[in-house]
Amino acid sequence: MRYHLGDRSPGGQGRVVATLKADLARAEALDTSNLSFPVRTSVEVVKSAYSTALEGFALPYGDVAVGAGATRPTS
């Protein structure tokens, strides 16, 4: 069952950060002017969650769950 767990090595964490950055850049590049309000709101939620996660990864300890809004120490 270990293969279901995320890679918590520095390399694995780096890949998560790279994915978050790439996805955030794509979300920020979207032209939301023609989208419905609920869809625009969803895009803003994604941008906020990914930005918060990236801020958490910048801390020198712990682990970040995307969308959790908090960095938690690893054991």
C-alpha atoms as a PDB file:
ATOM      1  CA  MET A   1       0.000   0.000   0.000  1.00  0.00           C
ATOM      2  CA  ARG A   2       2.991   2.331   0.273  1.00  0.00           C
ATOM      3  CA  TYR A   3       2.799   3.120  -3.431  1.00  0.00           C
ATOM      4  CA  HIS A   4      -0.415   5.041  -2.688  1.00  0.00           C
ATOM      5  CA  LEU A   5       1.519   7.504  -0.527  1.00  0.00           C
ATOM      6  CA  GLY A   6       3.135  10.581  -1.999  1.00  0.00           C
ATOM      7  CA  ASP A   7       6.878  10.854  -2.457  1.00  0.00           C
ATOM      8  CA  ARG A   8       8.027  12.871   0.555  1.00  0.00           C
ATOM      9  CA  SER A   9      11.680  12.935  -0.481  1.00  0.00           C
ATOM     10  CA  PRO A  10      13.174  16.320  -1.415  1.00  0.00           C
ATOM     11  CA  GLY A  11      12.946  15.313  -5.068  1.00  0.00           C
ATOM     12  CA  GLY A  12       9.310  14.292  -4.699  1.00  0.00           C
ATOM     13  CA  GLN A  13       8.467  17.521  -2.928  1.00  0.00           C
ATOM     14  CA  GLY A  14      10.266  19.434  -5.677  1.00  0.00           C
ATOM     15  CA  ARG A  15       8.089  17.735  -8.282  1.00  0.00           C
ATOM     16  CA  VAL A  16       4.962  18.737  -6.352  1.00  0.00           C
ATOM     17  CA  VAL A  17       6.191  22.344  -6.227  1.00  0.00           C
ATOM     18  CA  ALA A  18       6.927  22.293  -9.963  1.00  0.00           C
ATOM     19  CA  THR A  19       3.435  20.960 -10.687  1.00  0.00           C
ATOM     20  CA  LEU A  20       1.825  23.589  -8.452  1.00  0.00           C
ATOM     21  CA  LYS A  21       3.788  26.370 -10.163  1.00  0.00           C
ATOM     22  CA  ALA A  22       2.900  25.138 -13.646  1.00  0.00           C
ATOM     23  CA  ASP A  23      -0.781  24.699 -12.798  1.00  0.00           C
ATOM     24  CA  LEU A  24      -0.912  28.104 -11.108  1.00  0.00           C
ATOM     25  CA  ALA A  25       0.653  29.750 -14.151  1.00  0.00           C
ATOM     26  CA  ARG A  26      -1.987  28.126 -16.376  1.00  0.00           C
ATOM     27  CA  ALA A  27      -4.785  29.291 -14.064  1.00  0.00           C
ATOM     28  CA  GLU A  28      -3.384  32.814 -13.975  1.00  0.00           C
ATOM     29  CA  ALA A  29      -3.178  32.878 -17.783  1.00  0.00           C
ATOM     30  CA  LEU A  30      -6.874  32.099 -18.193  1.00  0.00           C
ATOM     31  CA  ASP A  31      -9.096  34.818 -19.588  1.00  0.00           C
ATOM     32  CA  THR A  32     -12.006  34.553 -17.191  1.00  0.00           C
ATOM     33  CA  SER A  33     -13.932  37.535 -18.530  1.00  0.00           C
ATOM     34  CA  ASN A  34     -16.382  35.379 -20.508  1.00  0.00           C
ATOM     35  CA  LEU A  35     -16.822  32.708 -17.838  1.00  0.00           C
ATOM     36  CA  SER A  36     -19.804  32.458 -15.531  1.00  0.00           C
ATOM     37  CA  PHE A  37     -19.479  33.773 -12.000  1.00  0.00           C
ATOM     38  CA  PRO A  38     -19.311  30.271 -10.440  1.00  0.00           C
ATOM     39  CA  VAL A  39     -16.535  29.214 -12.821  1.00  0.00           C
ATOM     40  CA  ARG A  40     -14.590  32.449 -12.233  1.00  0.00           C
ATOM     41  CA  THR A  41     -14.963  31.845  -8.498  1.00  0.00           C
ATOM     42  CA  SER A  42     -13.625  28.308  -8.890  1.00  0.00           C
ATOM     43  CA  VAL A  43     -10.600  29.580 -10.807  1.00  0.00           C
ATOM     44  CA  GLU A  44      -9.919  32.124  -8.043  1.00  0.00           C
ATOM     45  CA  VAL A  45     -10.208  29.407  -5.396  1.00  0.00           C
ATOM     46  CA  VAL A  46      -7.676  27.257  -7.262  1.00  0.00           C
ATOM     47  CA  LYS A  47      -5.284  30.195  -7.597  1.00  0.00           C
ATOM     48  CA  SER A  48      -5.592  31.011  -3.898  1.00  0.00           C
ATOM     49  CA  ALA A  49      -5.123  27.387  -2.772  1.00  0.00           C
ATOM     50  CA  TYR A  50      -2.097  26.829  -4.997  1.00  0.00           C
ATOM     51  CA  SER A  51      -0.509  30.134  -3.956  1.00  0.00           C
ATOM     52  CA  THR A  52      -1.020  29.264  -0.293  1.00  0.00           C
ATOM     53  CA  ALA A  53       0.470  25.803  -0.828  1.00  0.00           C
ATOM     54  CA  LEU A  54       3.527  27.287  -2.548  1.00  0.00           C
ATOM     55  CA  GLU A  55       4.008  29.683   0.368  1.00  0.00           C
ATOM     56  CA  GLY A  56       3.888  26.687   2.701  1.00  0.00           C
ATOM     57  CA  PHE A  57       6.455  24.759   0.671  1.00  0.00           C
ATOM     58  CA  ALA A  58       8.782  27.761   1.018  1.00  0.00           C
ATOM     59  CA  LEU A  59       8.932  27.155   4.781  1.00  0.00           C
ATOM     60  CA  PRO A  60      11.960  25.105   5.857  1.00  0.00           C
ATOM     61  CA  TYR A  61       9.941  22.339   7.545  1.00  0.00           C
ATOM     62  CA  GLY A  62       6.808  20.284   7.298  1.00  0.00           C
ATOM     63  CA  ASP A  63       4.496  19.255   4.543  1.00  0.00           C
ATOM     64  CA  VAL A  64       1.689  21.030   2.735  1.00  0.00           C
ATOM     65  CA  ALA A  65      -1.672  19.662   1.715  1.00  0.00           C
ATOM     66  CA  VAL A  66      -3.002  21.654  -1.221  1.00  0.00           C
ATOM     67  CA  GLY A  67      -6.103  23.477  -0.122  1.00  0.00           C
ATOM     68  CA  ALA A  68      -5.620  22.742   3.568  1.00  0.00           C
ATOM     69  CA  GLY A  69      -4.387  26.256   4.258  1.00  0.00           C
ATOM     70  CA  ALA A  70      -1.811  25.108   6.789  1.00  0.00           C
ATOM     71  CA  THR A  71       1.643  23.649   6.902  1.00  0.00           C
ATOM     72  CA  ARG A  72       1.972  20.723   9.208  1.00  0.00           C
ATOM     73  CA  PRO A  73       5.171  19.262  10.646  1.00  0.00           C
ATOM     74  CA  THR A  74       6.200  15.879   9.335  1.00  0.00           C
ATOM     75  CA  SER A  75       6.912  13.137  11.812  1.00  0.00           C
END
